[in-house]
Amino acid sequence: QVQLVESGGGLVQAGGSLELSCAASGRIFTVGAMAWYRQAPGKQLELVATITSGHSPHYADSVKGRFTISRDNAKNTVWLKMNSLKPEDTAVYYCNVDQLTTAWGPQYDYWGQGTQVTVSS
């Protein structure tokens, strides 16, 4: 089956940087749009950034100019480089894939396990 495995979270001071990665594994032929979401305590899930299979990115206003999303289609991997981090960026970050073509047929809406990002002031 398909798995999304995230890594790269941690604790950082305000103004610092972190990079998250998410790799899709399994008998995958193609991966559609990939995205990062986050959920802070007591808040709703928020879309942070998306990137199409053609590498077209989109960012939430709150992270524009600070975060960069990228992907490698050959590795089925997406990254989120986070610079100039603020305490309000503290959240659990989840990667998401909207559609995959696999040996078992099309699969939809896969999520990673989540990784904690904590920004101290």
Protein backbone atom coordinates (compact mmCIF):
# COMPACT_ATOMS: atom_id res chain seq x y z
CA GLN A 1 0.00 0.00 0.00
CA VAL A 2 0.97 3.65 -0.22
CA GLN A 3 2.56 5.46 2.68
CA LEU A 4 3.51 9.09 3.19
CA VAL A 5 6.42 9.43 5.60
CA GLU A 6 7.29 12.86 6.97
CA SER A 7 10.43 14.07 8.66
CA GLY A 8 12.16 17.28 9.65
CA GLY A 9 10.08 18.81 12.42
CA GLY A 10 11.52 20.06 15.66
CA LEU A 11 12.10 23.00 17.96
CA VAL A 12 13.59 26.23 16.65
CA GLN A 13 13.90 29.80 17.86
CA ALA A 14 11.96 32.58 16.21
CA GLY A 15 13.73 33.73 13.07
CA GLY A 16 15.20 30.30 12.47
CA SER A 17 14.65 27.78 9.71
CA LEU A 18 13.46 24.21 9.33
CA GLU A 19 12.89 21.96 6.35
CA LEU A 20 10.20 19.31 6.26
CA SER A 21 10.15 16.42 3.83
CA CYS A 22 7.48 13.92 2.86
CA ALA A 23 8.12 10.86 0.73
CA ALA A 24 5.44 8.70 -0.84
CA SER A 25 6.35 5.03 -1.02
CA GLY A 26 4.73 1.99 -2.56
CA ARG A 27 4.07 0.84 -6.09
CA ILE A 28 3.43 4.36 -7.35
CA PHE A 29 3.37 5.41 -10.99
CA THR A 30 2.40 9.07 -10.71
CA VAL A 31 1.65 11.56 -7.94
CA GLY A 32 -0.75 14.47 -8.31
CA ALA A 33 -0.72 17.72 -6.38
CA MET A 34 1.15 17.63 -3.08
CA ALA A 35 0.47 19.93 -0.18
CA TRP A 36 1.38 20.87 3.35
CA TYR A 37 -1.26 21.60 5.96
CA ARG A 38 -0.87 22.53 9.59
CA GLN A 39 -2.97 22.46 12.70
CA ALA A 40 -2.19 24.51 15.76
CA PRO A 41 -3.69 23.61 19.15
CA GLY A 42 -7.33 24.59 19.30
CA LYS A 43 -7.37 25.73 15.68
CA GLN A 44 -8.66 24.32 12.42
CA LEU A 45 -6.55 22.61 9.82
CA GLU A 46 -4.94 25.22 7.59
CA LEU A 47 -3.57 24.86 4.08
CA VAL A 48 0.02 26.12 4.04
CA ALA A 49 1.24 25.44 0.51
CA THR A 50 0.52 23.28 -2.52
CA ILE A 51 2.50 22.29 -5.57
CA THR A 52 1.21 20.69 -8.73
CA SER A 53 2.91 17.85 -10.56
CA GLY A 54 4.09 20.56 -12.95
CA HIS A 55 5.83 22.34 -10.05
CA SER A 56 3.40 25.27 -9.83
CA PRO A 57 3.28 26.44 -6.20
CA HIS A 58 0.63 28.22 -4.19
CA TYR A 59 1.04 29.66 -0.69
CA ALA A 60 -1.17 30.83 2.11
CA ASP A 61 -0.81 34.56 2.66
CA SER A 62 0.56 33.93 6.13
CA VAL A 63 3.66 32.15 4.79
CA LYS A 64 4.30 33.91 1.47
CA GLY A 65 7.89 35.05 1.17
CA ARG A 66 9.00 32.86 4.09
CA PHE A 67 8.15 29.28 3.06
CA THR A 68 9.10 27.46 -0.14
CA ILE A 69 7.49 24.25 -1.36
CA SER A 70 9.29 22.02 -3.85
CA ARG A 71 9.07 18.47 -5.12
CA ASP A 72 10.98 15.79 -6.96
CA ASN A 73 8.65 13.71 -9.10
CA ALA A 74 11.26 10.98 -9.60
CA LYS A 75 11.51 10.54 -5.82
CA ASN A 76 7.80 11.16 -5.07
CA THR A 77 8.96 13.61 -2.44
CA VAL A 78 7.84 17.07 -1.40
CA TRP A 79 9.72 19.52 0.81
CA LEU A 80 8.72 22.60 2.75
CA LYS A 81 11.56 24.98 3.52
CA MET A 82 10.52 27.32 6.30
CA ASN A 83 12.52 30.49 6.93
CA SER A 84 11.98 33.40 9.31
CA LEU A 85 9.84 31.21 11.52
CA LYS A 86 7.46 32.85 13.97
CA PRO A 87 5.85 31.49 17.14
CA GLU A 88 2.53 31.49 15.32
CA ASP A 89 3.95 28.90 12.90
CA THR A 90 3.91 26.39 15.76
CA ALA A 91 1.70 23.48 14.72
CA VAL A 92 1.62 19.88 13.61
CA TYR A 93 2.41 19.85 9.90
CA TYR A 94 0.86 17.25 7.61
CA CYS A 95 1.64 16.42 4.02
CA ASN A 96 -1.14 15.48 1.66
CA VAL A 97 -1.38 14.02 -1.81
CA ASP A 98 -4.65 14.46 -3.65
CA GLN A 99 -4.27 11.61 -6.13
CA LEU A 100 -1.84 8.83 -6.93
CA THR A 101 -1.75 6.30 -9.71
CA THR A 102 -0.62 3.00 -8.23
CA ALA A 103 -0.36 -0.69 -9.00
CA TRP A 104 -3.70 -1.03 -7.19
CA GLY A 105 -5.37 1.66 -9.29
CA PRO A 106 -6.00 5.34 -8.48
CA GLN A 107 -5.78 6.32 -4.83
CA TYR A 108 -7.07 9.57 -3.37
CA ASP A 109 -6.41 11.92 -0.46
CA TYR A 110 -3.44 10.41 1.36
CA TRP A 111 -2.04 12.00 4.51
CA GLY A 112 1.25 11.80 6.32
CA GLN A 113 1.46 11.08 10.03
CA GLY A 114 2.25 14.66 10.97
CA THR A 115 5.38 16.26 12.35
CA GLN A 116 5.55 18.81 15.16
CA VAL A 117 7.08 22.20 14.53
CA THR A 118 7.59 24.38 17.59
CA VAL A 119 8.89 27.94 17.32
CA SER A 120 9.98 29.56 20.56
CA SER A 121 9.94 33.31 21.07
